[in-house]
Amino acid sequence: MKTEQIKIFDTTLRDGEQAPGYSMHLDEKLRMAQQLEALGVDVIEAGFAIASPGDFQSVTEISKTVKTATVASLCRALVKDIDAAAKAVKPAAHARIHTFIATSDLHLKYKLKISRADCLRQIKEMVAYARNLCGEVEFSAEDASRTDLDFLCKATETAIKAGASVVNLPDTVGYSTPEEIYRMIKTVHDKVPNMDQAILSMHCHDDLGLAVANSLAGVMAGARQVECTICGIGERAGNAAMEEIAMGLRVRHDYYKGIYCNLKTEELMRTANLLATITGIKTAPNKAIVGANAFAHESGIHQHGVLANAETYEIMTPESVGVKKTELVLGKHSGRHAFAERLKELGYDFEEDKIDQLFGEFKQLADEKKVIAERDLIALAESKITVRREPKTEWKLDNFVVNSGNLMSTTAQVTLSKGGKIKQEVALATGPVYASFAAIEKIIGHKFTLEDYQIHAVTEHRDALGEVIVKIKDKKGMYRGRGVSTDIIKGSILALLSAVNRMVNDKGE
């Protein structure tokens, strides 16, 4: 029986995006925000508005786009930070300013160089200032888990009096144990006299691998908001993983006494896959809930048990997190209608002309592969997601020829088209991919360095569709591209062109 709701505060686009390798461009953040809204999160922390013009723009555009979830911007307890946050979230249907200051003696002495009294004064003034600019204010006591409990209670009481409707007590450095978190939350919940006027929140880091356990311990002690990220991405070892918290509450509803969240858990796998597609960082196979092995069984004993009754070795159904039990197989005889319907089932809503283009590529791929699995279809669809903000003249692959061998240098001849014009170059290098990239650099006339190159087999067997992720860098910044093909050289060229088109069209945000 459902009794009390836990609010899910997602910080994938703020804390998560700060993790190395997970930075996103505006269009990617918008797409991620829309999927988070489809997932049903209550609050989306869209960024740190004062951090950069790009962050400010991201918060503003997400505020305009998201309709049902609350959009929050993080800010220090400083006037200039709060002003930037208030301005950025102003277009939101539901806006929140999330302001913070450290409260532990360690941070007060060595980082802020202020006294406890100064800290309380700043909390009072800045929360009140934020409340005058926005109808909803959240206050976070940074390093709460290492803060003196009596002082933490005083800071919480002060923030609530000043207008905070949510008080977050983070385990900023991932230091605490579940027992310590329970004691902290329980003490604040029971001791602060005006606690009934605000919601207590948790934000736990995973430095000791306890972020989810600590978050759920906080829930048991009275916290009614949990701050988390998809797949637990974030600073250092990351944050509490949203999917683990949601399914923990759902599967163990007997233990958590009816405490629930409103996530549409069937969207969890799709959300995790989108994060991997956008960032180019694959989900670990053994990742709980959304890893490729989460519902895989190799042991004969396990297989026998699952065939007899799935509950013997599966405590949740694959469908409950958005995993399909059966692998869809398509071939060259499949029709356009069935193809289009399957795309919709997988969550892709393309215009008719894009479906026609995809269907043509699907047919070509079917001739090459004979059988196309669902993962191939997803990879094909993802390769057609628009990653630029507006249609622009782009470099497109016309053809390429590569001559290579173990007793010769590799030569690549690449022909690209742009705006109806064809341009061709030849380059010599140590391998087919390197040579192709060198030829493309000649064609575009724009210097860049290759920062990262990854290739993954989307499916198994010799005819697997290859997914290539590249990251290139020029003076303006880093650009990511993605390409898929059964030919790894073609996939590599397509991935590079995706990044190149972003680079040459960049306005310098």
Protein backbone atom coordinates (compact mmCIF):
# COMPACT_ATOMS: atom_id res chain seq x y z
CA MET A 1 0.00 0.00 0.00
CA LYS A 2 1.37 3.42 -1.01
CA THR A 3 1.58 5.81 1.91
CA GLU A 4 4.26 8.49 1.43
CA GLN A 5 5.85 9.82 -1.74
CA ILE A 6 9.57 10.41 -2.13
CA LYS A 7 10.39 13.28 -4.50
CA ILE A 8 13.07 12.41 -7.05
CA PHE A 9 15.49 15.30 -7.60
CA ASP A 10 17.63 14.53 -10.64
CA THR A 11 21.01 16.22 -10.94
CA THR A 12 22.32 14.35 -14.01
CA LEU A 13 22.55 17.64 -15.90
CA ARG A 14 24.43 19.44 -13.13
CA ASP A 15 26.43 17.18 -10.79
CA GLY A 16 26.44 14.32 -13.28
CA GLU A 17 27.60 16.48 -16.16
CA GLN A 18 30.56 17.69 -14.08
CA ALA A 19 32.09 14.20 -14.21
CA PRO A 20 34.96 13.83 -16.70
CA GLY A 21 33.66 12.67 -20.09
CA TYR A 22 30.01 13.44 -19.38
CA SER A 23 29.82 17.07 -20.53
CA MET A 24 26.94 17.78 -22.92
CA HIS A 25 26.06 20.44 -25.45
CA LEU A 26 22.82 22.39 -25.17
CA ASP A 27 20.85 20.27 -27.63
CA GLU A 28 21.95 17.11 -25.83
CA LYS A 29 20.93 18.56 -22.46
CA LEU A 30 17.52 19.46 -23.86
CA ARG A 31 17.00 15.95 -25.15
CA MET A 32 18.10 14.48 -21.82
CA ALA A 33 15.80 16.85 -19.91
CA GLN A 34 12.83 15.80 -22.05
CA GLN A 35 13.56 12.15 -21.34
CA LEU A 36 13.90 12.85 -17.60
CA GLU A 37 10.49 14.49 -17.73
CA ALA A 38 9.09 11.44 -19.55
CA LEU A 39 10.65 9.30 -16.81
CA GLY A 40 8.66 11.29 -14.27
CA VAL A 41 11.31 12.96 -12.11
CA ASP A 42 9.94 15.64 -9.81
CA VAL A 43 12.85 18.10 -10.04
CA ILE A 44 15.47 18.57 -12.76
CA GLU A 45 18.58 20.43 -11.63
CA ALA A 46 19.47 21.93 -15.00
CA GLY A 47 22.84 23.44 -14.17
CA PHE A 48 24.91 25.99 -12.25
CA ALA A 49 23.76 29.23 -13.91
CA ILE A 50 26.64 31.43 -12.76
CA ALA A 51 29.31 28.92 -13.84
CA SER A 52 29.41 29.91 -17.53
CA PRO A 53 27.31 31.48 -20.30
CA GLY A 54 26.71 27.97 -21.62
CA ASP A 55 25.37 26.75 -18.27
CA PHE A 56 23.14 29.82 -17.99
CA GLN A 57 21.74 29.21 -21.47
CA SER A 58 21.16 25.51 -20.70
CA VAL A 59 19.16 26.29 -17.56
CA THR A 60 17.13 28.92 -19.43
CA GLU A 61 16.33 26.70 -22.42
CA ILE A 62 15.46 23.71 -20.23
CA SER A 63 13.21 26.01 -18.19
CA LYS A 64 11.38 26.91 -21.39
CA THR A 65 11.11 23.30 -22.54
CA VAL A 66 10.13 21.35 -19.41
CA LYS A 67 6.44 21.63 -18.50
CA THR A 68 5.64 19.28 -15.61
CA ALA A 69 8.86 18.88 -13.60
CA THR A 70 10.32 21.63 -11.42
CA VAL A 71 13.49 23.15 -12.90
CA ALA A 72 16.22 24.14 -10.44
CA SER A 73 19.51 25.98 -10.74
CA LEU A 74 22.29 25.56 -8.21
CA CYS A 75 23.96 28.64 -6.76
CA ARG A 76 26.24 29.57 -3.90
CA ALA A 77 24.75 31.63 -1.10
CA LEU A 78 25.92 34.82 -2.79
CA VAL A 79 23.86 37.63 -4.31
CA LYS A 80 25.41 37.41 -7.80
CA ASP A 81 24.90 33.63 -7.91
CA ILE A 82 21.30 33.86 -6.75
CA ASP A 83 20.54 36.62 -9.27
CA ALA A 84 21.87 34.47 -12.11
CA ALA A 85 19.91 31.43 -10.94
CA ALA A 86 16.68 33.42 -10.58
CA LYS A 87 17.03 34.88 -14.06
CA ALA A 88 17.82 31.50 -15.62
CA VAL A 89 14.84 29.63 -14.12
CA LYS A 90 12.38 32.49 -14.60
CA PRO A 91 10.77 30.96 -17.76
CA ALA A 92 10.04 27.68 -15.96
CA ALA A 93 6.46 26.62 -15.25
CA HIS A 94 7.77 25.42 -11.88
CA ALA A 95 11.02 27.07 -10.77
CA ARG A 96 13.37 26.51 -7.84
CA ILE A 97 16.51 28.24 -6.63
CA HIS A 98 18.90 25.77 -4.97
CA THR A 99 21.41 27.66 -2.85
CA PHE A 100 24.13 26.23 -0.62
CA ILE A 101 26.90 26.99 1.83
CA ALA A 102 29.24 24.67 3.72
CA THR A 103 28.46 24.09 7.40
CA SER A 104 31.18 21.74 8.68
CA ASP A 105 33.89 23.29 10.86
CA LEU A 106 36.48 21.94 8.41
CA HIS A 107 34.99 23.87 5.49
CA LEU A 108 34.21 26.97 7.55
CA LYS A 109 37.80 27.24 8.78
CA TYR A 110 39.84 26.29 5.72
CA LYS A 111 37.61 27.03 2.72
CA LEU A 112 35.26 29.86 3.69
CA LYS A 113 37.33 31.26 6.59
CA ILE A 114 34.21 32.33 8.50
CA SER A 115 32.73 31.53 11.90
CA ARG A 116 29.57 29.58 12.66
CA ALA A 117 27.80 32.84 13.46
CA ASP A 118 28.85 34.27 10.08
CA CYS A 119 27.55 31.11 8.40
CA LEU A 120 24.13 31.38 10.07
CA ARG A 121 23.92 35.06 9.15
CA GLN A 122 24.69 34.28 5.52
CA ILE A 123 22.11 31.48 5.43
CA LYS A 124 19.45 33.79 6.82
CA GLU A 125 20.19 36.66 4.45
CA MET A 126 20.74 34.67 1.25
CA VAL A 127 17.82 32.26 1.62
CA ALA A 128 15.53 35.24 2.29
CA TYR A 129 16.99 37.04 -0.73
CA ALA A 130 16.40 33.98 -2.94
CA ARG A 131 12.87 33.57 -1.61
CA ASN A 132 12.04 37.11 -2.72
CA LEU A 133 13.08 36.20 -6.26
CA CYS A 134 11.54 32.72 -6.57
CA GLY A 135 8.55 31.02 -5.02
CA GLU A 136 10.50 27.86 -4.15
CA VAL A 137 13.91 27.77 -2.48
CA GLU A 138 16.01 24.78 -1.48
CA PHE A 139 18.92 25.17 0.93
CA SER A 140 21.82 22.72 1.07
CA ALA A 141 24.24 22.44 3.99
CA GLU A 142 27.37 21.34 2.15
CA ASP A 143 29.34 18.65 4.01
CA ALA A 144 26.38 18.13 6.36
CA SER A 145 27.52 14.62 7.27
CA ARG A 146 30.68 16.05 8.89
CA THR A 147 28.89 18.97 10.55
CA ASP A 148 28.29 19.17 14.29
CA LEU A 149 24.70 17.94 14.73
CA ASP A 150 23.59 20.76 17.03
CA PHE A 151 24.91 23.35 14.59
CA LEU A 152 23.33 21.48 11.66
CA CYS A 153 19.96 21.68 13.43
CA LYS A 154 20.46 25.42 13.96
CA ALA A 155 21.40 25.93 10.29
CA THR A 156 18.33 23.98 9.17
CA GLU A 157 16.03 25.96 11.46
CA THR A 158 17.54 29.23 10.20
CA ALA A 159 17.08 28.28 6.54
CA ILE A 160 13.44 27.30 7.05
CA LYS A 161 12.69 30.52 8.93
CA ALA A 162 14.22 32.47 6.04
CA GLY A 163 11.94 30.78 3.51
CA ALA A 164 13.46 27.46 2.43
CA SER A 165 10.81 24.83 1.69
CA VAL A 166 13.40 22.09 1.15
CA VAL A 167 16.55 21.52 3.23
CA ASN A 168 19.14 19.18 1.78
CA LEU A 169 21.70 17.47 4.01
CA PRO A 170 24.36 16.05 1.69
CA ASP A 171 27.09 13.54 2.33
CA THR A 172 29.27 15.65 0.05
CA VAL A 173 32.41 13.54 0.27
CA GLY A 174 30.79 10.10 0.58
CA TYR A 175 32.23 9.60 4.06
CA SER A 176 29.26 8.36 6.08
CA THR A 177 27.75 4.97 6.79
CA PRO A 178 24.01 4.23 6.62
CA GLU A 179 23.78 4.20 10.41
CA GLU A 180 25.37 7.66 10.65
CA ILE A 181 23.10 9.06 7.93
CA TYR A 182 20.05 7.64 9.68
CA ARG A 183 21.12 9.29 12.95
CA MET A 184 21.76 12.65 11.26
CA ILE A 185 18.42 12.77 9.44
CA LYS A 186 16.48 11.44 12.41
CA THR A 187 18.03 14.03 14.75
CA VAL A 188 17.31 16.95 12.43
CA HIS A 189 13.81 15.64 11.65
CA ASP A 190 12.89 15.31 15.34
CA LYS A 191 14.83 18.20 16.89
CA VAL A 192 14.29 21.18 14.54
CA PRO A 193 11.14 22.96 15.79
CA ASN A 194 9.92 24.22 12.37
CA MET A 195 10.80 21.04 10.44
CA ASP A 196 7.11 20.53 9.62
CA GLN A 197 7.35 23.56 7.28
CA ALA A 198 9.93 21.98 4.94
CA ILE A 199 11.00 18.72 3.30
CA LEU A 200 14.25 17.04 4.27
CA SER A 201 16.39 15.91 1.36
CA MET A 202 19.38 13.59 0.83
CA HIS A 203 22.31 13.96 -1.59
CA CYS A 204 24.89 11.21 -1.17
CA HIS A 205 28.15 10.59 -2.99
CA ASP A 206 29.58 7.16 -3.72
CA ASP A 207 33.22 7.45 -2.64
CA LEU A 208 32.87 4.38 -0.40
CA GLY A 209 30.20 2.73 -2.55
CA LEU A 210 27.44 3.62 -0.07
CA ALA A 211 25.50 6.37 -1.86
CA VAL A 212 22.32 4.36 -2.48
CA ALA A 213 22.44 2.65 0.93
CA ASN A 214 22.95 6.03 2.63
CA SER A 215 20.13 7.65 0.65
CA LEU A 216 17.68 4.90 1.55
CA ALA A 217 18.78 5.08 5.20
CA GLY A 218 17.93 8.78 5.08
CA VAL A 219 14.52 7.95 3.65
CA MET A 220 13.86 5.56 6.51
CA ALA A 221 14.80 8.34 8.96
CA GLY A 222 12.38 10.89 7.48
CA ALA A 223 13.92 12.36 4.30
CA ARG A 224 11.27 12.82 1.61
CA GLN A 225 13.43 13.94 -1.30
CA VAL A 226 16.39 12.06 -2.78
CA GLU A 227 18.93 13.74 -5.05
CA CYS A 228 20.42 11.32 -7.56
CA THR A 229 21.56 10.79 -11.16
CA ILE A 230 21.02 8.27 -13.93
CA CYS A 231 23.56 5.44 -13.52
CA GLY A 232 25.00 7.31 -10.52
CA ILE A 233 27.24 9.58 -12.63
CA GLY A 234 28.80 12.58 -10.93
CA GLU A 235 31.84 14.07 -9.24
CA ARG A 236 34.61 11.59 -8.32
CA ALA A 237 32.94 8.17 -7.76
CA GLY A 238 29.52 9.63 -8.53
CA ASN A 239 26.14 10.00 -6.87
CA ALA A 240 23.35 7.71 -5.76
CA ALA A 241 21.93 5.91 -8.82
CA MET A 242 18.32 6.91 -9.48
CA GLU A 243 17.36 3.55 -10.94
CA GLU A 244 18.62 1.70 -7.87
CA ILE A 245 16.70 3.93 -5.47
CA ALA A 246 13.48 3.69 -7.50
CA MET A 247 13.60 -0.09 -7.87
CA GLY A 248 14.74 -0.53 -4.27
CA LEU A 249 11.56 1.22 -3.10
CA ARG A 250 9.45 -0.71 -5.60
CA VAL A 251 10.85 -4.21 -5.07
CA ARG A 252 11.20 -3.89 -1.28
CA HIS A 253 7.95 -2.03 -0.63
CA ASP A 254 7.44 -4.41 2.30
CA TYR A 255 10.59 -3.11 4.00
CA TYR A 256 10.09 0.57 3.14
CA LYS A 257 6.51 0.45 4.44
CA GLY A 258 4.72 1.81 1.39
CA ILE A 259 7.14 4.67 0.69
CA TYR A 260 7.15 5.20 -3.08
CA CYS A 261 8.25 7.48 -5.91
CA ASN A 262 6.32 8.45 -9.03
CA LEU A 263 8.93 7.41 -11.59
CA LYS A 264 7.72 5.53 -14.66
CA THR A 265 10.30 2.81 -14.08
CA GLU A 266 9.59 1.32 -17.51
CA GLU A 267 11.53 4.33 -18.88
CA LEU A 268 14.70 3.60 -16.87
CA MET A 269 16.49 1.52 -19.50
CA ARG A 270 15.65 3.98 -22.27
CA THR A 271 16.97 6.85 -20.12
CA ALA A 272 20.21 5.01 -19.32
CA ASN A 273 20.67 4.13 -23.00
CA LEU A 274 20.13 7.75 -24.01
CA LEU A 275 22.79 8.88 -21.52
CA ALA A 276 25.24 6.36 -22.99
CA THR A 277 24.41 7.48 -26.54
CA ILE A 278 24.82 11.18 -25.78
CA THR A 279 28.05 10.86 -23.80
CA GLY A 280 29.61 7.94 -25.66
CA ILE A 281 30.30 6.21 -22.33
CA LYS A 282 28.74 2.76 -22.18
CA THR A 283 26.86 1.47 -19.16
CA ALA A 284 28.87 -1.21 -17.32
CA PRO A 285 27.43 -4.68 -18.10
CA ASN A 286 27.14 -5.50 -14.39
CA LYS A 287 25.42 -2.20 -13.53
CA ALA A 288 22.41 -2.90 -11.32
CA ILE A 289 18.98 -2.49 -12.98
CA VAL A 290 20.13 -1.16 -16.37
CA GLY A 291 23.31 -3.14 -17.15
CA ALA A 292 23.31 -5.60 -20.06
CA ASN A 293 23.79 -8.49 -17.63
CA ALA A 294 21.12 -7.41 -15.13
CA PHE A 295 18.66 -9.96 -16.54
CA ALA A 296 21.13 -12.36 -18.17
CA HIS A 297 21.70 -15.88 -16.85
CA GLU A 298 24.60 -18.10 -17.88
CA SER A 299 24.79 -20.58 -15.00
CA GLY A 300 22.93 -23.79 -15.78
CA ILE A 301 21.41 -23.84 -12.30
CA HIS A 302 20.13 -20.29 -12.73
CA GLN A 303 18.81 -20.98 -16.23
CA HIS A 304 16.92 -24.04 -15.02
CA GLY A 305 15.40 -22.07 -12.15
CA VAL A 306 14.34 -19.13 -14.34
CA LEU A 307 12.74 -21.44 -16.89
CA ALA A 308 10.77 -23.12 -14.13
CA ASN A 309 9.80 -19.86 -12.42
CA ALA A 310 11.45 -16.49 -13.14
CA GLU A 311 11.13 -15.45 -9.49
CA THR A 312 13.73 -18.04 -8.48
CA TYR A 313 16.53 -15.78 -9.70
CA GLU A 314 14.85 -12.54 -10.78
CA ILE A 315 13.49 -10.23 -8.09
CA MET A 316 11.98 -7.86 -10.67
CA THR A 317 10.71 -8.33 -14.19
CA PRO A 318 12.73 -7.03 -17.13
CA GLU A 319 9.61 -5.20 -18.34
CA SER A 320 9.42 -3.21 -15.10
CA VAL A 321 12.57 -1.29 -16.07
CA GLY A 322 11.93 -1.20 -19.81
CA VAL A 323 13.85 -4.29 -20.90
CA LYS A 324 12.20 -6.39 -23.62
CA LYS A 325 12.21 -10.12 -22.96
CA THR A 326 12.22 -11.07 -26.64
CA GLU A 327 14.75 -9.88 -29.19
CA LEU A 328 12.96 -8.41 -32.21
CA VAL A 329 14.34 -9.71 -35.48
CA LEU A 330 13.80 -7.81 -38.73
CA GLY A 331 14.97 -8.67 -42.22
CA LYS A 332 15.06 -7.42 -45.79
CA HIS A 333 11.46 -8.57 -46.33
CA SER A 334 10.07 -6.40 -43.51
CA GLY A 335 7.74 -3.61 -44.67
CA ARG A 336 7.89 0.12 -44.05
CA HIS A 337 4.76 0.11 -41.89
CA ALA A 338 6.10 -2.54 -39.51
CA PHE A 339 9.44 -0.74 -39.46
CA ALA A 340 7.81 2.60 -38.58
CA GLU A 341 5.61 1.03 -35.90
CA ARG A 342 8.60 -0.63 -34.28
CA LEU A 343 10.44 2.69 -34.19
CA LYS A 344 7.48 4.20 -32.32
CA GLU A 345 7.47 1.30 -29.86
CA LEU A 346 11.14 1.99 -29.21
CA GLY A 347 10.35 5.65 -28.50
CA TYR A 348 11.42 7.29 -31.78
CA ASP A 349 8.94 9.73 -33.30
CA PHE A 350 10.42 10.76 -36.64
CA GLU A 351 8.90 12.82 -39.44
CA GLU A 352 7.81 10.87 -42.52
CA ASP A 353 10.78 11.96 -44.64
CA LYS A 354 13.21 10.84 -41.92
CA ILE A 355 11.41 7.47 -41.67
CA ASP A 356 11.75 7.07 -45.45
CA GLN A 357 15.49 7.78 -45.16
CA LEU A 358 15.87 5.38 -42.24
CA PHE A 359 13.88 2.68 -44.00
CA GLY A 360 16.17 2.91 -47.02
CA GLU A 361 19.23 2.55 -44.80
CA PHE A 362 17.53 -0.28 -42.93
CA LYS A 363 16.97 -2.16 -46.21
CA GLN A 364 20.59 -1.61 -47.21
CA LEU A 365 21.74 -2.83 -43.81
CA ALA A 366 19.45 -5.87 -44.06
CA ASP A 367 21.13 -6.85 -47.32
CA GLU A 368 24.50 -6.64 -45.58
CA LYS A 369 23.52 -8.31 -42.31
CA LYS A 370 20.62 -10.57 -43.35
CA VAL A 371 19.09 -10.35 -39.85
CA ILE A 372 18.70 -7.12 -37.86
CA ALA A 373 18.24 -7.25 -34.10
CA GLU A 374 16.52 -4.64 -31.97
CA ARG A 375 19.84 -3.18 -30.84
CA ASP A 376 20.82 -2.64 -34.48
CA LEU A 377 17.56 -0.77 -35.03
CA ILE A 378 18.18 1.46 -32.01
CA ALA A 379 21.71 2.23 -33.17
CA LEU A 380 20.42 3.09 -36.65
CA ALA A 381 17.72 5.38 -35.24
CA GLU A 382 20.13 7.10 -32.85
CA SER A 383 22.48 7.86 -35.74
CA LYS A 384 19.71 10.00 -37.25
CA ILE A 385 18.90 12.05 -34.16
CA THR A 386 19.64 15.69 -34.97
CA VAL A 387 22.44 16.90 -32.74
CA ARG A 388 22.74 20.44 -34.09
CA ARG A 389 20.42 23.22 -33.02
CA GLU A 390 19.36 24.23 -36.52
CA PRO A 391 19.72 22.84 -40.04
CA LYS A 392 22.98 23.98 -41.60
CA THR A 393 25.04 23.13 -44.63
CA GLU A 394 26.98 20.04 -43.62
CA TRP A 395 29.86 17.97 -44.86
CA LYS A 396 28.52 14.62 -46.05
CA LEU A 397 30.31 11.48 -47.15
CA ASP A 398 30.14 10.83 -50.88
CA ASN A 399 32.64 7.96 -51.15
CA PHE A 400 35.99 6.73 -49.90
CA VAL A 401 38.72 4.36 -51.10
CA VAL A 402 41.40 2.94 -48.82
CA ASN A 403 44.50 0.98 -49.83
CA SER A 404 46.19 -0.75 -46.92
CA GLY A 405 48.43 -3.68 -46.09
CA ASN A 406 51.08 -4.87 -43.68
CA LEU A 407 53.92 -4.11 -46.13
CA MET A 408 52.78 -0.67 -47.25
CA SER A 409 51.69 2.71 -45.94
CA THR A 410 47.94 3.27 -45.98
CA THR A 411 46.45 5.64 -48.52
CA ALA A 412 42.92 7.02 -48.14
CA GLN A 413 41.00 8.94 -50.79
CA VAL A 414 37.92 10.61 -49.32
CA THR A 415 35.25 12.54 -51.23
CA LEU A 416 32.87 14.81 -49.34
CA SER A 417 29.99 16.99 -50.45
CA LYS A 418 28.76 20.25 -49.01
CA GLY A 419 26.01 22.47 -50.39
CA GLY A 420 26.03 20.59 -53.68
CA LYS A 421 29.80 20.93 -54.16
CA ILE A 422 32.17 17.96 -54.19
CA LYS A 423 35.68 18.03 -52.73
CA GLN A 424 38.25 15.23 -52.70
CA GLU A 425 41.59 14.74 -50.95
CA VAL A 426 44.15 11.95 -50.52
CA ALA A 427 46.22 11.33 -47.40
CA LEU A 428 48.96 8.89 -46.38
CA ALA A 429 49.08 7.55 -42.82
CA THR A 430 49.76 4.48 -40.68
CA GLY A 431 46.26 3.01 -40.82
CA PRO A 432 42.95 3.26 -42.70
CA VAL A 433 41.10 5.28 -40.06
CA TYR A 434 44.01 7.65 -39.44
CA ALA A 435 44.48 8.18 -43.18
CA SER A 436 40.77 8.83 -43.72
CA PHE A 437 40.73 11.37 -40.89
CA ALA A 438 43.80 13.12 -42.33
CA ALA A 439 42.10 13.40 -45.73
CA ILE A 440 38.98 14.89 -44.10
CA GLU A 441 41.11 17.44 -42.24
CA LYS A 442 42.56 18.54 -45.58
CA ILE A 443 39.11 18.86 -47.13
CA ILE A 444 37.55 20.99 -44.38
CA GLY A 445 40.64 23.17 -43.95
CA HIS A 446 40.23 23.30 -40.18
CA LYS A 447 42.87 21.92 -37.81
CA PHE A 448 41.77 19.63 -34.98
CA THR A 449 43.22 16.94 -32.74
CA LEU A 450 41.66 13.54 -32.08
CA GLU A 451 41.12 13.27 -28.33
CA ASP A 452 39.25 9.96 -28.13
CA TYR A 453 38.23 7.14 -30.45
CA GLN A 454 35.98 4.25 -29.41
CA ILE A 455 34.40 1.45 -31.37
CA HIS A 456 31.80 -0.99 -30.06
CA ALA A 457 29.97 -3.92 -31.63
CA VAL A 458 26.25 -3.21 -31.27
CA THR A 459 25.37 -6.88 -31.63
CA GLU A 460 27.23 -10.18 -31.79
CA HIS A 461 28.63 -12.26 -34.68
CA ARG A 462 30.76 -11.36 -37.68
CA ASP A 463 28.22 -9.04 -39.28
CA ALA A 464 27.79 -6.90 -36.17
CA LEU A 465 26.89 -3.26 -36.63
CA GLY A 466 29.79 -1.15 -35.39
CA GLU A 467 29.18 2.00 -33.35
CA VAL A 468 32.02 4.54 -33.38
CA ILE A 469 32.39 7.47 -30.98
CA VAL A 470 35.02 10.15 -31.63
CA LYS A 471 35.98 13.28 -29.72
CA ILE A 472 37.94 16.03 -31.47
CA LYS A 473 39.29 19.31 -30.16
CA ASP A 474 40.14 22.70 -31.62
CA LYS A 475 40.76 26.11 -30.06
CA LYS A 476 37.06 26.61 -29.24
CA GLY A 477 36.42 23.35 -27.45
CA MET A 478 35.65 19.64 -27.57
CA TYR A 479 33.21 18.05 -30.04
CA ARG A 480 31.73 14.57 -30.01
CA GLY A 481 30.44 12.58 -32.96
CA ARG A 482 28.83 9.20 -33.50
CA GLY A 483 28.52 6.89 -36.51
CA VAL A 484 27.22 3.38 -37.16
CA SER A 485 27.96 0.98 -39.98
CA THR A 486 28.88 -2.65 -40.61
CA ASP A 487 32.11 -1.18 -42.07
CA ILE A 488 34.26 0.23 -39.27
CA ILE A 489 36.08 2.63 -41.60
CA LYS A 490 32.79 4.05 -42.87
CA GLY A 491 31.44 4.21 -39.31
CA SER A 492 34.59 6.07 -38.25
CA ILE A 493 34.26 8.58 -41.09
CA LEU A 494 30.58 9.17 -40.27
CA ALA A 495 31.42 9.69 -36.59
CA LEU A 496 34.16 12.18 -37.46
CA LEU A 497 31.87 14.09 -39.83
CA SER A 498 29.25 14.33 -37.07
CA ALA A 499 31.85 15.95 -34.81
CA VAL A 500 33.32 18.06 -37.63
CA ASN A 501 29.93 19.53 -38.55
CA ARG A 502 29.39 20.52 -34.95
CA MET A 503 32.87 22.04 -34.79
CA VAL A 504 32.68 24.11 -37.97
CA ASN A 505 29.18 25.35 -37.11
CA ASP A 506 30.05 26.22 -33.52
CA LYS A 507 29.48 29.87 -32.61
CA GLY A 508 31.80 29.66 -29.64
CA GLU A 509 29.31 29.00 -26.81
